[in-house]
Protein backbone atom coordinates (compact mmCIF):
# COMPACT_ATOMS: atom_id res chain seq x y z
CA MET A 1 -0.03 -0.01 0.05
CA SER A 2 1.42 3.29 -1.12
CA PHE A 3 1.49 6.25 1.49
CA ILE A 4 0.90 8.87 -1.11
CA PRO A 5 -2.60 7.94 -2.37
CA PHE A 6 -3.49 7.59 1.33
CA LEU A 7 -2.56 11.29 1.84
CA GLN A 8 -4.37 12.23 -1.49
CA GLU A 9 -7.50 10.49 -0.18
CA ALA A 10 -7.34 12.29 3.04
CA THR A 11 -7.21 15.78 1.46
CA LEU A 12 -9.92 14.93 -1.26
CA GLY A 13 -12.14 13.37 1.51
CA GLY A 14 -12.39 16.68 3.18
CA GLY A 15 -9.50 16.23 5.69
CA SER A 16 -7.83 19.42 6.68
CA ALA A 17 -4.26 20.24 6.06
CA PHE A 18 -4.06 20.76 10.00
CA GLY A 19 -5.08 17.27 10.54
CA ILE A 20 -2.40 15.89 8.43
CA PHE A 21 0.45 18.27 9.41
CA PHE A 22 -0.14 18.27 13.12
CA PRO A 23 0.94 14.85 13.89
CA MET A 24 4.08 15.45 11.83
CA LEU A 25 4.86 18.73 13.59
CA ALA A 26 4.30 16.97 16.93
CA ILE A 27 6.90 14.39 15.97
CA ILE A 28 9.45 17.02 14.95
CA VAL A 29 8.79 18.81 18.27
CA ILE A 30 9.22 15.57 20.35
CA PHE A 31 12.49 14.66 18.41
CA TYR A 32 13.90 18.20 19.07
CA PHE A 33 13.27 18.12 22.78
CA PHE A 34 14.23 14.33 23.52
CA LEU A 35 17.03 13.82 21.03
CA ILE A 36 18.45 16.95 19.31
CA ARG A 37 18.66 19.31 22.20
CA PRO A 38 20.16 16.97 24.86
CA GLN A 39 22.74 15.98 22.23
CA ASN A 40 23.66 19.61 21.54
CA LYS A 41 24.11 20.34 25.37
CA LYS A 42 26.27 17.33 25.78
CA GLN A 43 28.46 18.30 22.89
CA LYS A 44 29.00 21.84 24.13
CA GLU A 45 29.94 20.51 27.58
CA ILE A 46 32.55 18.15 25.76
CA GLU A 47 33.97 21.07 23.71
CA LYS A 48 34.13 23.19 26.90
CA MET A 49 36.06 20.39 28.68
CA ILE A 50 38.52 20.07 25.88
CA ALA A 51 39.17 23.77 25.59
CA ALA A 52 39.85 23.91 29.33
CA LEU A 53 42.64 21.24 29.35
CA LYS A 54 45.72 22.31 30.97
CA LYS A 55 49.07 20.79 32.01
CA GLY A 56 48.68 18.39 35.04
CA ASP A 57 45.10 17.33 34.28
CA LYS A 58 44.51 13.61 34.76
CA VAL A 59 42.71 12.33 31.46
CA ILE A 60 41.31 9.30 29.90
CA THR A 61 41.56 8.90 26.13
CA ILE A 62 38.68 7.39 23.96
CA GLY A 63 41.03 4.37 23.53
CA GLY A 64 41.13 3.97 27.49
CA ILE A 65 44.75 5.23 28.12
CA HIS A 66 45.15 6.87 31.31
CA GLY A 67 47.61 9.66 31.81
CA VAL A 68 48.59 13.17 32.79
CA VAL A 69 48.77 16.09 30.44
CA SER A 70 52.39 17.15 30.23
CA SER A 71 52.00 19.94 27.53
CA VAL A 72 49.21 21.52 25.46
CA LYS A 73 49.55 22.58 21.98
CA GLU A 74 46.92 24.17 19.65
CA LYS A 75 45.38 21.12 18.27
CA THR A 76 47.20 18.34 20.16
CA ILE A 77 48.12 17.51 23.73
CA ILE A 78 50.95 15.39 25.01
CA VAL A 79 50.01 12.89 27.62
CA LYS A 80 52.50 11.27 30.02
CA VAL A 81 51.38 7.62 30.53
CA ASP A 82 54.54 6.52 32.36
CA ASP A 83 57.88 7.75 33.62
CA ASN A 84 59.59 7.76 30.32
CA ALA A 85 56.52 7.40 27.95
CA LYS A 86 54.73 10.29 26.32
CA ILE A 87 52.06 10.04 23.69
CA GLU A 88 50.71 13.04 21.52
CA PHE A 89 46.98 12.91 21.04
CA ASN A 90 44.42 15.12 19.13
CA ARG A 91 42.41 17.09 21.60
CA THR A 92 39.27 15.27 20.33
CA ALA A 93 40.90 11.93 21.72
CA ILE A 94 40.14 12.94 25.20
CA ALA A 95 37.11 11.25 26.56
CA THR A 96 37.12 12.44 30.21
CA VAL A 97 39.15 14.65 32.65
CA GLN A 98 39.32 13.20 36.12
CA LYS A 99 38.89 15.52 39.06
CA SER A 100 41.74 16.00 41.32
CA ASP A 101 41.67 15.26 44.99
CA ALA A 102 41.48 18.91 45.77
CA GLU A 103 38.40 19.44 43.42
CA LEU A 104 36.74 16.38 44.96
CA ALA A 105 37.34 17.81 48.47
CA LYS A 106 35.83 21.22 47.29
CA GLU A 107 32.77 19.55 45.96
CA ALA A 108 32.27 17.58 49.19
CA GLU A 109 32.54 20.62 51.21
CA GLU A 110 30.02 22.42 49.02
CA ALA A 111 27.62 19.61 49.33
CA ALA A 112 28.12 19.61 53.02
CA ALA A 113 27.45 23.37 53.30
CA LYS A 114 24.21 22.97 51.05
CA LYS A 115 22.98 20.16 53.27
CA ALA A 116 23.51 22.29 56.43
CA ALA A 117 21.78 25.21 54.89
CA LYS A 118 18.94 23.10 53.90
CA GLU A 119 18.86 21.45 57.52
CA ALA A 120 18.83 25.08 59.16
CA LYS A 121 16.10 26.24 56.70
CA LYS A 122 14.09 23.22 57.81
CA ASN A 123 14.80 23.88 61.51
CA LYS A 124 13.63 27.51 61.02
CA LYS A 125 10.34 26.62 59.45
CA ALA A 126 9.82 24.09 62.20
CA LYS A 127 10.48 26.71 64.78
CA GLU A 128 8.18 29.25 63.23
CA SER A 129 5.34 26.69 63.05
CA GLU A 130 5.78 25.92 66.70
CA GLU A 131 5.53 29.63 67.62
CA VAL A 132 2.21 29.85 65.45
CA VAL A 133 0.77 26.86 67.41
CA GLU A 134 1.82 28.50 70.74
CA GLU A 135 0.18 31.71 69.72
CA LYS A 136 -3.00 30.07 68.78
CA ALA A 137 -3.06 28.13 71.97
CA THR A 138 -2.56 31.32 74.05
CA GLU A 139 -5.37 33.02 72.20
CA THR A 140 -7.60 30.21 72.74
CA GLU A 141 -6.71 30.00 76.55
CA GLU A 142 -7.48 33.84 76.86
CA LYS A 143 -10.88 33.65 75.49
């Protein structure tokens, strides 16, 4: 069964153009929000990571080689994989940059601070609600 005669019958049979094109438009919008947009965000993050490479970063290549960046050039980087072994890679061959111990400690500190702030906010709300209950209790006692 051909798809084009089906479309012709739909338009000749009184079907509106809106009824035909709306599902196609909906599919395009769904593809954009679920496939295209997340992929573009991920690509921008990867480009930002590659542009921020500097000497001393621990990296993993797309081939699975672990090493430390020993120098950075315009289009390539040199990765030290052992005491006497250095390999030159294109920047695009870097899959991930591992976080250093200092960065991990900083993130843990920030997470602890956020948790403490959240807990303080929760305690403040509980205290305020207790005060409101006490005020209502004193008002009812006075009456």
